[in-house]
Structure formats: C-alpha cells, structure tokens
C-alpha cells in the first residue's frame, strides 16, 4: 500500500497511525509524515504518540522494540 498524499510505500506503523487518528477501517492511508502534517504535528510528536499508544496496548502497532522506520529497532 502507498501513501495517498506522497506515494511512499507504507509500513505497519504508517497504516496504524493513520487508522488510529482518522479511521480504523480505512482502506487507503497516508504515511506518518503526511498524517502528522495534516494534523499540525511534528514527526517526533507523532512517534511519541505511537509509543504511548503501544504502552496502552493499542493493537494497531507492533509491540516494542520495533521501529516505525524499518520495523526492527526501537521506536
């Protein structure tokens, strides 16, 4: 799946963040930078939000220590 705004290939993190903020059942999504920009957030604030969502058990995001950029390192 690709970002509907910029065309970037999406990760599970991108899709999860978009679905958490916009529509859990979305068929099309935007990447973290585009979603953050739409809501007036910095990318760092978006990643802080993702970490908080993870800690509260949100199932849209893999459990830590995966990374939203490459899926293998800490967020």
PDB file of N, CA and C in Angstrom:
ATOM      1  N   UNK A   1       0.847  -1.168   0.000  1.00  0.00           N
ATOM      2  CA  UNK A   1       0.000   0.000   0.000  1.00  0.00           C
ATOM      3  C   UNK A   1       0.904   1.246   0.000  1.00  0.00           C
ATOM      4  N   UNK A   2       0.442   2.281  -0.673  1.00  0.00           N
ATOM      5  CA  UNK A   2       1.209   3.530  -0.772  1.00  0.00           C
ATOM      6  C   UNK A   2       0.424   4.690  -0.152  1.00  0.00           C
ATOM      7  N   UNK A   3       1.174   5.686   0.317  1.00  0.00           N
ATOM      8  CA  UNK A   3       0.589   6.900   0.881  1.00  0.00           C
ATOM      9  C   UNK A   3      -0.236   7.593  -0.199  1.00  0.00           C
ATOM     10  N   UNK A   4      -1.464   7.954   0.132  1.00  0.00           N
ATOM     11  CA  UNK A   4      -2.321   8.621  -0.850  1.00  0.00           C
ATOM     12  C   UNK A   4      -1.899  10.069  -1.086  1.00  0.00           C
ATOM     13  N   UNK A   5      -1.068  10.616  -0.200  1.00  0.00           N
ATOM     14  CA  UNK A   5      -0.622  12.005  -0.363  1.00  0.00           C
ATOM     15  C   UNK A   5       0.699  12.120  -1.120  1.00  0.00           C
ATOM     16  N   UNK A   6       1.693  11.281  -0.756  1.00  0.00           N
ATOM     17  CA  UNK A   6       3.029  11.434  -1.361  1.00  0.00           C
ATOM     18  C   UNK A   6       3.500  10.221  -2.155  1.00  0.00           C
ATOM     19  N   UNK A   7       2.820   9.089  -2.043  1.00  0.00           N
ATOM     20  CA  UNK A   7       3.178   7.903  -2.807  1.00  0.00           C
ATOM     21  C   UNK A   7       4.197   6.983  -2.164  1.00  0.00           C
ATOM     22  N   UNK A   8       4.677   7.329  -0.959  1.00  0.00           N
ATOM     23  CA  UNK A   8       5.658   6.496  -0.254  1.00  0.00           C
ATOM     24  C   UNK A   8       5.047   5.139   0.110  1.00  0.00           C
ATOM     25  N   UNK A   9       5.871   4.084   0.030  1.00  0.00           N
ATOM     26  CA  UNK A   9       5.436   2.755   0.458  1.00  0.00           C
ATOM     27  C   UNK A   9       5.169   2.803   1.962  1.00  0.00           C
ATOM     28  N   UNK A  10       4.012   2.303   2.392  1.00  0.00           N
ATOM     29  CA  UNK A  10       3.623   2.383   3.792  1.00  0.00           C
ATOM     30  C   UNK A  10       4.107   1.194   4.609  1.00  0.00           C
ATOM     31  N   UNK A  11       4.413   1.461   5.870  1.00  0.00           N
ATOM     32  CA  UNK A  11       4.758   0.423   6.836  1.00  0.00           C
ATOM     33  C   UNK A  11       3.553   0.180   7.731  1.00  0.00           C
ATOM     34  N   UNK A  12       3.627  -0.831   8.559  1.00  0.00           N
ATOM     35  CA  UNK A  12       2.567  -1.108   9.518  1.00  0.00           C
ATOM     36  C   UNK A  12       2.396   0.091  10.455  1.00  0.00           C
ATOM     37  N   UNK A  13       3.491   0.807  10.729  1.00  0.00           N
ATOM     38  CA  UNK A  13       3.430   1.986  11.600  1.00  0.00           C
ATOM     39  C   UNK A  13       2.637   3.105  10.942  1.00  0.00           C
ATOM     40  N   UNK A  14       2.901   3.338   9.652  1.00  0.00           N
ATOM     41  CA  UNK A  14       2.177   4.375   8.917  1.00  0.00           C
ATOM     42  C   UNK A  14       0.679   4.076   8.919  1.00  0.00           C
ATOM     43  N   UNK A  15       0.349   2.852   8.562  1.00  0.00           N
ATOM     44  CA  UNK A  15      -1.059   2.461   8.499  1.00  0.00           C
ATOM     45  C   UNK A  15      -1.713   2.549   9.872  1.00  0.00           C
ATOM     46  N   UNK A  16      -1.019   2.080  10.899  1.00  0.00           N
ATOM     47  CA  UNK A  16      -1.573   2.119  12.253  1.00  0.00           C
ATOM     48  C   UNK A  16      -1.833   3.530  12.736  1.00  0.00           C
ATOM     49  N   UNK A  17      -0.876   4.428  12.496  1.00  0.00           N
ATOM     50  CA  UNK A  17      -1.030   5.814  12.941  1.00  0.00           C
ATOM     51  C   UNK A  17      -2.196   6.482  12.219  1.00  0.00           C
ATOM     52  N   UNK A  18      -2.286   6.287  10.914  1.00  0.00           N
ATOM     53  CA  UNK A  18      -3.390   6.863  10.149  1.00  0.00           C
ATOM     54  C   UNK A  18      -4.726   6.323  10.655  1.00  0.00           C
ATOM     55  N   UNK A  19      -4.798   5.021  10.824  1.00  0.00           N
ATOM     56  CA  UNK A  19      -6.062   4.412  11.265  1.00  0.00           C
ATOM     57  C   UNK A  19      -6.440   4.837  12.683  1.00  0.00           C
ATOM     58  N   UNK A  20      -5.450   5.027  13.531  1.00  0.00           N
ATOM     59  CA  UNK A  20      -5.724   5.462  14.904  1.00  0.00           C
ATOM     60  C   UNK A  20      -6.310   6.874  14.917  1.00  0.00           C
ATOM     61  N   UNK A  21      -5.767   7.762  14.085  1.00  0.00           N
ATOM     62  CA  UNK A  21      -6.208   9.154  14.104  1.00  0.00           C
ATOM     63  C   UNK A  21      -7.380   9.458  13.180  1.00  0.00           C
ATOM     64  N   UNK A  22      -7.516   8.703  12.096  1.00  0.00           N
ATOM     65  CA  UNK A  22      -8.512   9.058  11.086  1.00  0.00           C
ATOM     66  C   UNK A  22      -9.691   8.093  11.060  1.00  0.00           C
ATOM     67  N   UNK A  23      -9.413   6.821  10.773  1.00  0.00           N
ATOM     68  CA  UNK A  23     -10.498   5.851  10.612  1.00  0.00           C
ATOM     69  C   UNK A  23      -9.922   4.455  10.715  1.00  0.00           C
ATOM     70  N   UNK A  24     -10.291   3.744  11.742  1.00  0.00           N
ATOM     71  CA  UNK A  24      -9.731   2.412  11.990  1.00  0.00           C
ATOM     72  C   UNK A  24      -9.952   1.459  10.815  1.00  0.00           C
ATOM     73  N   UNK A  25     -10.988   1.648  10.065  1.00  0.00           N
ATOM     74  CA  UNK A  25     -11.302   0.769   8.945  1.00  0.00           C
ATOM     75  C   UNK A  25     -10.857   1.304   7.590  1.00  0.00           C
ATOM     76  N   UNK A  26      -9.969   2.286   7.580  1.00  0.00           N
ATOM     77  CA  UNK A  26      -9.547   2.915   6.321  1.00  0.00           C
ATOM     78  C   UNK A  26      -8.947   1.901   5.359  1.00  0.00           C
ATOM     79  N   UNK A  27      -9.323   2.011   4.109  1.00  0.00           N
ATOM     80  CA  UNK A  27      -8.782   1.160   3.044  1.00  0.00           C
ATOM     81  C   UNK A  27      -7.542   1.795   2.426  1.00  0.00           C
ATOM     82  N   UNK A  28      -7.466   3.125   2.462  1.00  0.00           N
ATOM     83  CA  UNK A  28      -6.310   3.869   1.972  1.00  0.00           C
ATOM     84  C   UNK A  28      -5.756   4.672   3.130  1.00  0.00           C
ATOM     85  N   UNK A  29      -4.433   4.853   3.171  1.00  0.00           N
ATOM     86  CA  UNK A  29      -3.797   5.536   4.297  1.00  0.00           C
ATOM     87  C   UNK A  29      -2.709   6.481   3.815  1.00  0.00           C
ATOM     88  N   UNK A  30      -2.247   7.317   4.734  1.00  0.00           N
ATOM     89  CA  UNK A  30      -1.114   8.207   4.499  1.00  0.00           C
ATOM     90  C   UNK A  30       0.031   7.802   5.416  1.00  0.00           C
ATOM     91  N   UNK A  31       1.246   8.178   5.025  1.00  0.00           N
ATOM     92  CA  UNK A  31       2.422   7.885   5.844  1.00  0.00           C
ATOM     93  C   UNK A  31       2.427   8.774   7.097  1.00  0.00           C
ATOM     94  N   UNK A  32       3.290   8.446   8.054  1.00  0.00           N
ATOM     95  CA  UNK A  32       3.376   9.214   9.291  1.00  0.00           C
ATOM     96  C   UNK A  32       3.650  10.691   9.010  1.00  0.00           C
ATOM     97  N   UNK A  33       4.649  11.044   8.181  1.00  0.00           N
ATOM     98  CA  UNK A  33       4.895  12.468   7.941  1.00  0.00           C
ATOM     99  C   UNK A  33       3.683  13.213   7.364  1.00  0.00           C
ATOM    100  N   UNK A  34       2.980  12.608   6.417  1.00  0.00           N
ATOM    101  CA  UNK A  34       1.816  13.261   5.812  1.00  0.00           C
ATOM    102  C   UNK A  34       0.656  13.348   6.799  1.00  0.00           C
ATOM    103  N   UNK A  35       0.421  12.296   7.575  1.00  0.00           N
ATOM    104  CA  UNK A  35      -0.643  12.321   8.578  1.00  0.00           C
ATOM    105  C   UNK A  35      -0.332  13.357   9.643  1.00  0.00           C
ATOM    106  N   UNK A  36       0.918  13.373  10.110  1.00  0.00           N
ATOM    107  CA  UNK A  36       1.324  14.345  11.128  1.00  0.00           C
ATOM    108  C   UNK A  36       1.132  15.768  10.604  1.00  0.00           C
ATOM    109  N   UNK A  37       1.557  16.028   9.386  1.00  0.00           N
ATOM    110  CA  UNK A  37       1.420  17.366   8.808  1.00  0.00           C
ATOM    111  C   UNK A  37      -0.046  17.780   8.720  1.00  0.00           C
ATOM    112  N   UNK A  38      -0.901  16.849   8.342  1.00  0.00           N
ATOM    113  CA  UNK A  38      -2.334  17.138   8.242  1.00  0.00           C
ATOM    114  C   UNK A  38      -2.905  17.607   9.582  1.00  0.00           C
ATOM    115  N   UNK A  39      -2.411  17.003  10.669  1.00  0.00           N
ATOM    116  CA  UNK A  39      -2.907  17.354  11.998  1.00  0.00           C
ATOM    117  C   UNK A  39      -2.055  18.418  12.691  1.00  0.00           C
ATOM    118  N   UNK A  40      -1.074  18.976  11.988  1.00  0.00           N
ATOM    119  CA  UNK A  40      -0.234  20.016  12.566  1.00  0.00           C
ATOM    120  C   UNK A  40       0.743  19.511  13.611  1.00  0.00           C
ATOM    121  N   UNK A  41       1.174  18.250  13.458  1.00  0.00           N
ATOM    122  CA  UNK A  41       2.109  17.628  14.395  1.00  0.00           C
ATOM    123  C   UNK A  41       3.488  17.512  13.763  1.00  0.00           C
ATOM    124  N   UNK A  42       4.520  17.482  14.605  1.00  0.00           N
ATOM    125  CA  UNK A  42       5.850  17.148  14.106  1.00  0.00           C
ATOM    126  C   UNK A  42       5.931  15.632  14.018  1.00  0.00           C
ATOM    127  N   UNK A  43       6.893  15.139  13.244  1.00  0.00           N
ATOM    128  CA  UNK A  43       7.082  13.682  13.175  1.00  0.00           C
ATOM    129  C   UNK A  43       7.472  13.132  14.539  1.00  0.00           C
ATOM    130  N   UNK A  44       8.296  13.866  15.280  1.00  0.00           N
ATOM    131  CA  UNK A  44       8.707  13.404  16.608  1.00  0.00           C
ATOM    132  C   UNK A  44       7.498  13.277  17.527  1.00  0.00           C
ATOM    133  N   UNK A  45       6.585  14.241  17.481  1.00  0.00           N
ATOM    134  CA  UNK A  45       5.369  14.170  18.306  1.00  0.00           C
ATOM    135  C   UNK A  45       4.535  12.958  17.886  1.00  0.00           C
ATOM    136  N   UNK A  46       4.463  12.701  16.590  1.00  0.00           N
ATOM    137  CA  UNK A  46       3.715  11.540  16.096  1.00  0.00           C
ATOM    138  C   UNK A  46       4.322  10.250  16.644  1.00  0.00           C
ATOM    139  N   UNK A  47       5.644  10.158  16.653  1.00  0.00           N
ATOM    140  CA  UNK A  47       6.313   8.950  17.161  1.00  0.00           C
ATOM    141  C   UNK A  47       6.137   8.814  18.675  1.00  0.00           C
ATOM    142  N   UNK A  48       6.115   9.933  19.379  1.00  0.00           N
ATOM    143  CA  UNK A  48       5.824   9.902  20.821  1.00  0.00           C
ATOM    144  C   UNK A  48       4.417   9.361  21.046  1.00  0.00           C
ATOM    145  N   UNK A  49       3.480   9.799  20.218  1.00  0.00           N
ATOM    146  CA  UNK A  49       2.110   9.316  20.328  1.00  0.00           C
ATOM    147  C   UNK A  49       2.047   7.810  20.084  1.00  0.00           C
ATOM    148  N   UNK A  50       2.783   7.327  19.067  1.00  0.00           N
ATOM    149  CA  UNK A  50       2.804   5.900  18.766  1.00  0.00           C
ATOM    150  C   UNK A  50       3.341   5.126  19.962  1.00  0.00           C
ATOM    151  N   UNK A  51       4.417   5.600  20.583  1.00  0.00           N
ATOM    152  CA  UNK A  51       4.966   4.917  21.767  1.00  0.00           C
ATOM    153  C   UNK A  51       3.930   4.864  22.881  1.00  0.00           C
ATOM    154  N   UNK A  52       3.197   5.951  23.058  1.00  0.00           N
ATOM    155  CA  UNK A  52       2.164   5.983  24.100  1.00  0.00           C
ATOM    156  C   UNK A  52       1.035   5.001  23.765  1.00  0.00           C
ATOM    157  N   UNK A  53       0.629   4.962  22.501  1.00  0.00           N
ATOM    158  CA  UNK A  53      -0.412   4.017  22.085  1.00  0.00           C
ATOM    159  C   UNK A  53       0.041   2.574  22.334  1.00  0.00           C
ATOM    160  N   UNK A  54       1.307   2.292  22.032  1.00  0.00           N
ATOM    161  CA  UNK A  54       1.854   0.947  22.266  1.00  0.00           C
ATOM    162  C   UNK A  54       1.775   0.585  23.737  1.00  0.00           C
ATOM    163  N   UNK A  55       2.214   1.516  24.591  1.00  0.00           N
ATOM    164  CA  UNK A  55       2.234   1.248  26.036  1.00  0.00           C
ATOM    165  C   UNK A  55       0.849   0.981  26.590  1.00  0.00           C
ATOM    166  N   UNK A  56      -0.163   1.563  25.965  1.00  0.00           N
ATOM    167  CA  UNK A  56      -1.527   1.339  26.438  1.00  0.00           C
ATOM    168  C   UNK A  56      -2.160   0.101  25.805  1.00  0.00           C
ATOM    169  N   UNK A  57      -1.382  -0.595  24.952  1.00  0.00           N
ATOM    170  CA  UNK A  57      -1.858  -1.859  24.391  1.00  0.00           C
ATOM    171  C   UNK A  57      -2.619  -1.748  23.085  1.00  0.00           C
ATOM    172  N   UNK A  58      -2.518  -0.630  22.389  1.00  0.00           N
ATOM    173  CA  UNK A  58      -3.222  -0.485  21.109  1.00  0.00           C
ATOM    174  C   UNK A  58      -2.746  -1.557  20.131  1.00  0.00           C
ATOM    175  N   UNK A  59      -3.675  -2.294  19.573  1.00  0.00           N
ATOM    176  CA  UNK A  59      -3.347  -3.407  18.688  1.00  0.00           C
ATOM    177  C   UNK A  59      -3.000  -2.973  17.267  1.00  0.00           C
ATOM    178  N   UNK A  60      -3.073  -1.684  16.971  1.00  0.00           N
ATOM    179  CA  UNK A  60      -2.711  -1.197  15.638  1.00  0.00           C
ATOM    180  C   UNK A  60      -1.202  -1.130  15.432  1.00  0.00           C
ATOM    181  N   UNK A  61      -0.433  -1.241  16.518  1.00  0.00           N
ATOM    182  CA  UNK A  61       1.013  -1.114  16.446  1.00  0.00           C
ATOM    183  C   UNK A  61       1.689  -2.354  17.014  1.00  0.00           C
ATOM    184  N   UNK A  62       2.774  -2.810  16.368  1.00  0.00           N
ATOM    185  CA  UNK A  62       3.529  -3.931  16.919  1.00  0.00           C
ATOM    186  C   UNK A  62       4.079  -3.573  18.289  1.00  0.00           C
ATOM    187  N   UNK A  63       4.311  -4.558  19.102  1.00  0.00           N
ATOM    188  CA  UNK A  63       4.897  -4.310  20.421  1.00  0.00           C
ATOM    189  C   UNK A  63       6.318  -3.809  20.286  1.00  0.00           C
ATOM    190  N   UNK A  64       6.753  -2.955  21.220  1.00  0.00           N
ATOM    191  CA  UNK A  64       8.163  -2.535  21.198  1.00  0.00           C
ATOM    192  C   UNK A  64       9.029  -3.776  21.289  1.00  0.00           C
ATOM    193  N   UNK A  65      10.218  -3.769  20.810  1.00  0.00           N
ATOM    194  CA  UNK A  65      11.079  -2.670  20.417  1.00  0.00           C
ATOM    195  C   UNK A  65      11.114  -2.398  18.923  1.00  0.00           C
ATOM    196  N   UNK A  66      10.120  -2.752  18.141  1.00  0.00           N
ATOM    197  CA  UNK A  66      10.167  -2.487  16.705  1.00  0.00           C
ATOM    198  C   UNK A  66      10.161  -0.982  16.420  1.00  0.00           C
ATOM    199  N   UNK A  67      10.634  -0.616  15.249  1.00  0.00           N
ATOM    200  CA  UNK A  67      10.786   0.789  14.862  1.00  0.00           C
ATOM    201  C   UNK A  67       9.852   1.129  13.713  1.00  0.00           C
ATOM    202  N   UNK A  68       9.237   2.326  13.724  1.00  0.00           N
ATOM    203  CA  UNK A  68       8.320   2.679  12.651  1.00  0.00           C
ATOM    204  C   UNK A  68       9.006   2.911  11.313  1.00  0.00           C
ATOM    205  N   UNK A  69      10.306   3.105  11.300  1.00  0.00           N
ATOM    206  CA  UNK A  69      11.007   3.320  10.035  1.00  0.00           C
ATOM    207  C   UNK A  69      11.335   1.998   9.341  1.00  0.00           C
ATOM    208  N   UNK A  70      11.804   1.008  10.104  1.00  0.00           N
ATOM    209  CA  UNK A  70      12.227  -0.230   9.442  1.00  0.00           C
ATOM    210  C   UNK A  70      11.696  -1.502  10.098  1.00  0.00           C
ATOM    211  N   UNK A  71      10.926  -1.352  11.174  1.00  0.00           N
ATOM    212  CA  UNK A  71      10.301  -2.499  11.785  1.00  0.00           C
ATOM    213  C   UNK A  71      11.203  -3.389  12.610  1.00  0.00           C
ATOM    214  N   UNK A  72      12.474  -2.976  12.856  1.00  0.00           N
ATOM    215  CA  UNK A  72      13.363  -3.892  13.557  1.00  0.00           C
ATOM    216  C   UNK A  72      14.070  -3.285  14.768  1.00  0.00           C
ATOM    217  N   UNK A  73      14.088  -1.973  14.908  1.00  0.00           N
ATOM    218  CA  UNK A  73      14.776  -1.360  16.026  1.00  0.00           C
ATOM    219  C   UNK A  73      13.803  -0.557  16.870  1.00  0.00           C
ATOM    220  N   UNK A  74      14.303   0.014  17.938  1.00  0.00           N
ATOM    221  CA  UNK A  74      13.452   0.771  18.862  1.00  0.00           C
ATOM    222  C   UNK A  74      12.815   1.979  18.205  1.00  0.00           C
ATOM    223  N   UNK A  75      11.643   2.324  18.681  1.00  0.00           N
ATOM    224  CA  UNK A  75      10.909   3.487  18.192  1.00  0.00           C
ATOM    225  C   UNK A  75      11.533   4.750  18.674  1.00  0.00           C
TER     226      UNK A  75
END
